[in-house]
Protein backbone atom coordinates (compact mmCIF):
# COMPACT_ATOMS: atom_id res chain seq x y z
CA UNK A 1 0.00 0.02 -0.01
CA UNK A 2 1.03 3.68 -0.54
CA UNK A 3 -0.19 6.47 1.55
CA UNK A 4 0.04 9.99 0.12
CA UNK A 5 0.67 12.08 3.11
CA UNK A 6 1.78 15.30 4.70
CA UNK A 7 3.61 14.94 7.97
CA UNK A 8 1.45 17.59 9.82
CA UNK A 9 -1.99 16.74 8.08
CA UNK A 10 -4.44 15.69 10.71
CA UNK A 11 -6.25 13.57 8.29
CA UNK A 12 -3.20 11.74 6.97
CA UNK A 13 -2.13 11.32 10.65
CA UNK A 14 -5.37 9.42 11.34
CA UNK A 15 -4.75 6.88 8.65
CA UNK A 16 -1.20 6.41 9.69
CA UNK A 17 -2.49 5.52 13.23
CA UNK A 18 -4.93 3.08 11.69
CA UNK A 19 -2.42 1.38 9.46
CA UNK A 20 -0.08 1.03 12.43
CA UNK A 21 -2.79 -0.37 14.79
CA UNK A 22 -3.54 -2.95 12.16
CA UNK A 23 0.22 -3.68 11.60
CA UNK A 24 -0.18 -3.00 7.86
CA UNK A 25 3.02 -2.22 5.84
CA UNK A 26 2.85 0.89 3.73
CA UNK A 27 5.03 3.32 1.73
CA UNK A 28 4.70 7.02 2.45
CA UNK A 29 4.52 9.24 -0.66
CA UNK A 30 5.11 12.79 0.63
CA UNK A 31 2.88 15.60 -0.58
CA UNK A 32 4.09 19.01 0.63
CA UNK A 33 1.11 21.21 1.16
CA UNK A 34 3.18 24.35 1.17
CA UNK A 35 6.00 24.04 -1.38
CA UNK A 36 5.36 25.08 -5.08
CA UNK A 37 2.20 26.54 -4.08
CA UNK A 38 1.06 23.12 -2.64
CA UNK A 39 2.11 19.89 -4.29
CA UNK A 40 -1.47 18.80 -3.76
CA UNK A 41 -2.44 21.03 -6.66
CA UNK A 42 -0.08 19.42 -9.15
CA UNK A 43 -1.80 17.51 -11.97
CA UNK A 44 -0.43 14.15 -11.11
CA UNK A 45 -1.85 14.37 -7.56
CA UNK A 46 -5.17 15.97 -8.76
CA UNK A 47 -5.53 12.82 -10.91
CA UNK A 48 -5.68 10.78 -7.56
CA UNK A 49 -7.64 13.36 -5.48
CA UNK A 50 -9.85 15.81 -7.42
CA UNK A 51 -10.45 17.88 -4.31
CA UNK A 52 -6.58 18.17 -3.89
CA UNK A 53 -6.53 16.86 -0.24
CA UNK A 54 -4.39 14.27 1.53
CA UNK A 55 -4.54 11.51 2.42
CA UNK A 56 -4.86 9.20 -0.48
CA UNK A 57 -4.42 5.48 0.00
CA UNK A 58 -3.39 3.24 -2.91
CA UNK A 59 -4.17 -0.51 -2.20
CA UNK A 60 -2.82 -2.73 -4.86
CA UNK A 61 -5.41 -5.41 -3.89
CA UNK A 62 -8.14 -3.23 -5.28
CA UNK A 63 -8.60 -3.87 -8.95
CA UNK A 64 -9.68 -0.99 -11.24
CA UNK A 65 -10.50 2.63 -10.75
CA UNK A 66 -11.36 2.17 -7.07
CA UNK A 67 -7.67 1.75 -6.11
CA UNK A 68 -7.26 5.38 -5.10
CA UNK A 69 -9.16 5.93 -1.80
CA UNK A 70 -9.74 9.35 -0.35
CA UNK A 71 -11.19 10.92 2.85
CA UNK A 72 -9.62 9.73 6.04
CA UNK A 73 -12.60 8.15 7.77
CA UNK A 74 -13.65 6.35 4.58
CA UNK A 75 -10.06 5.01 4.36
CA UNK A 76 -10.02 3.86 7.90
CA UNK A 77 -13.39 2.07 7.58
CA UNK A 78 -12.10 0.34 4.39
CA UNK A 79 -9.09 -0.86 6.27
CA UNK A 80 -11.32 -2.11 9.05
CA UNK A 81 -13.44 -4.11 6.73
CA UNK A 82 -10.71 -5.30 4.38
CA UNK A 83 -8.27 -6.21 7.22
CA UNK A 84 -10.21 -7.27 10.19
CA UNK A 85 -7.33 -7.91 12.50
CA UNK A 86 -7.38 -5.39 15.43
CA UNK A 87 -10.89 -4.07 14.77
CA UNK A 88 -11.21 -0.25 15.08
CA UNK A 89 -14.93 -0.28 15.62
CA UNK A 90 -16.94 -2.39 18.31
CA UNK A 91 -19.15 -5.15 17.37
CA UNK A 92 -22.45 -3.98 18.60
CA UNK A 93 -24.37 -1.57 16.35
CA UNK A 94 -25.10 1.06 19.15
CA UNK A 95 -21.45 1.06 20.33
CA UNK A 96 -20.30 1.32 16.67
CA UNK A 97 -22.57 4.37 16.24
CA UNK A 98 -21.25 5.83 19.55
CA UNK A 99 -17.59 5.57 18.29
CA UNK A 100 -18.42 6.92 14.89
CA UNK A 101 -20.18 9.92 16.53
CA UNK A 102 -17.05 10.76 18.48
CA UNK A 103 -14.90 10.54 15.38
CA UNK A 104 -17.30 12.71 13.47
CA UNK A 105 -17.43 15.32 16.13
CA UNK A 106 -13.72 15.77 15.45
CA UNK A 107 -13.59 15.25 11.75
CA UNK A 108 -16.75 17.08 10.72
CA UNK A 109 -17.23 19.64 13.53
CA UNK A 110 -13.88 20.67 14.85
CA UNK A 111 -11.28 20.00 12.08
CA UNK A 112 -13.08 21.62 8.96
CA UNK A 113 -12.97 25.01 10.78
CA UNK A 114 -9.22 24.85 11.47
CA UNK A 115 -7.54 23.04 8.75
CA UNK A 116 -4.67 24.53 6.66
CA UNK A 117 -6.77 25.85 3.73
CA UNK A 118 -9.29 27.57 6.03
CA UNK A 119 -6.47 29.23 7.99
CA UNK A 120 -4.67 30.31 4.91
CA UNK A 121 -7.93 31.83 3.50
CA UNK A 122 -8.45 33.83 6.66
CA UNK A 123 -4.98 35.32 6.28
CA UNK A 124 -4.56 35.68 2.49
CA UNK A 125 -7.90 36.58 1.24
CA UNK A 126 -9.68 38.03 4.44
CA UNK A 127 -6.48 39.73 5.63
CA UNK A 128 -7.00 38.45 9.06
CA UNK A 129 -3.97 39.04 11.40
CA UNK A 130 -1.83 36.11 12.61
CA UNK A 131 -3.05 36.82 16.15
CA UNK A 132 -6.69 36.76 15.11
CA UNK A 133 -6.21 33.65 12.95
CA UNK A 134 -4.80 31.86 15.97
CA UNK A 135 -7.57 33.08 18.20
CA UNK A 136 -10.12 31.66 15.59
CA UNK A 137 -8.39 28.30 15.73
CA UNK A 138 -8.34 28.12 19.58
CA UNK A 139 -12.06 29.25 19.79
CA UNK A 140 -13.37 26.52 17.68
CA UNK A 141 -10.92 23.79 18.75
CA UNK A 142 -11.66 24.49 22.54
CA UNK A 143 -15.29 24.71 22.09
CA UNK A 144 -15.63 21.38 20.13
CA UNK A 145 -13.18 19.52 22.58
CA UNK A 146 -15.00 20.85 25.53
CA UNK A 147 -18.31 19.32 24.11
CA UNK A 148 -16.44 16.14 23.44
CA UNK A 149 -14.95 16.08 27.04
CA UNK A 150 -18.55 16.45 28.45
CA UNK A 151 -19.63 13.25 26.59
CA UNK A 152 -16.58 11.30 27.54
CA UNK A 153 -16.60 12.34 31.18
CA UNK A 154 -20.12 10.88 31.86
CA UNK A 155 -20.55 7.87 29.57
CA UNK A 156 -20.09 4.33 31.16
CA UNK A 157 -18.58 3.04 27.84
CA UNK A 158 -15.51 4.93 28.34
CA UNK A 159 -12.66 2.81 29.74
CA UNK A 160 -8.95 3.40 29.35
CA UNK A 161 -9.83 4.67 25.84
CA UNK A 162 -12.95 6.19 24.27
CA UNK A 163 -14.75 2.81 24.09
CA UNK A 164 -13.41 0.20 26.56
CA UNK A 165 -9.69 -0.59 26.90
CA UNK A 166 -8.47 -0.67 23.34
CA UNK A 167 -8.05 2.27 20.99
CA UNK A 168 -9.99 2.49 17.69
CA UNK A 169 -11.56 4.93 15.25
CA UNK A 170 -12.25 7.61 17.85
CA UNK A 171 -8.50 7.70 18.96
CA UNK A 172 -7.42 7.85 15.37
CA UNK A 173 -9.16 11.16 15.20
CA UNK A 174 -8.64 12.44 18.68
CA UNK A 175 -4.82 12.21 18.90
CA UNK A 176 -4.10 14.35 15.79
CA UNK A 177 -6.61 17.00 16.91
CA UNK A 178 -4.89 17.13 20.40
CA UNK A 179 -1.44 17.40 18.75
CA UNK A 180 -2.61 20.41 16.71
CA UNK A 181 -4.36 21.87 19.74
CA UNK A 182 -1.25 21.85 21.63
CA UNK A 183 0.60 23.40 18.70
CA UNK A 184 -1.66 26.37 18.80
CA UNK A 185 -1.63 26.60 22.58
CA UNK A 186 -5.11 25.70 23.06
CA UNK A 187 -6.36 25.62 26.77
CA UNK A 188 -6.95 21.92 27.48
CA UNK A 189 -6.80 22.10 31.23
CA UNK A 190 -10.52 21.50 31.69
CA UNK A 191 -10.36 18.27 29.59
CA UNK A 192 -9.06 15.61 32.02
CA UNK A 193 -10.67 12.70 30.27
CA UNK A 194 -9.60 13.62 26.87
CA UNK A 195 -5.99 14.22 28.00
CA UNK A 196 -5.96 10.86 30.04
CA UNK A 197 -6.98 9.10 26.82
CA UNK A 198 -4.47 11.11 24.74
CA UNK A 199 -1.72 10.20 27.19
CA UNK A 200 -2.57 6.56 27.08
CA UNK A 201 -2.44 6.52 23.29
CA UNK A 202 0.95 8.34 23.23
CA UNK A 203 2.41 5.36 25.28
CA UNK A 204 1.58 2.92 22.30
CA UNK A 205 4.03 2.43 19.50
CA UNK A 206 1.25 2.52 16.78
CA UNK A 207 0.51 6.12 17.82
CA UNK A 208 4.08 7.19 18.39
CA UNK A 209 5.19 5.82 14.97
CA UNK A 210 2.47 7.90 13.29
CA UNK A 211 3.63 11.12 14.97
CA UNK A 212 4.55 13.95 12.69
CA UNK A 213 8.12 14.18 13.92
CA UNK A 214 8.76 10.49 12.87
CA UNK A 215 7.53 10.84 9.33
CA UNK A 216 10.08 10.88 6.35
CA UNK A 217 9.02 14.30 5.28
CA UNK A 218 9.10 15.85 8.72
CA UNK A 219 10.68 19.35 8.92
């Protein structure tokens, strides 16, 4: 398998964690989101991802036009179905919905408001100052994570991790979001459950090996 990735992309980070949890070998194909105006806009990459976003996963076991998979959560669910070792979603339908809802709270509610292209648009097109851009990031990130903390702090399904005592889809999304929240100096002091789960993940090699600093394109 080949993973088109940028070392600091939250979405690519999610997929790296999933691949590592499942002990699946893959080759990283770096796509620099800043150099040359963004390598994601080059024609050869746009042929794989029409929306010019990482990650893209190429799995040679897929025959035909479906071999280039896009969108991190779709890729992770594909991996979970195609490679069932170390399942990333629980068996019971209600529990699966719970874990998906946690992941989607991050991937659909928090991340879209503070990803790279949004932040660049704020600065370049709307002429927002660097200080105000960072304030925008912290506002939406802290608001979203506070809501997630409230859910995790009171639900009996939470164990060492978001659901029980093994990490899965929710942690694939949570860890990259916390990594970036720390980069932007978000206030995480009122999120003990989230930080406990994050710290437990950080102790596992599958998460440590997926970290931005350990990627071949890290700067």
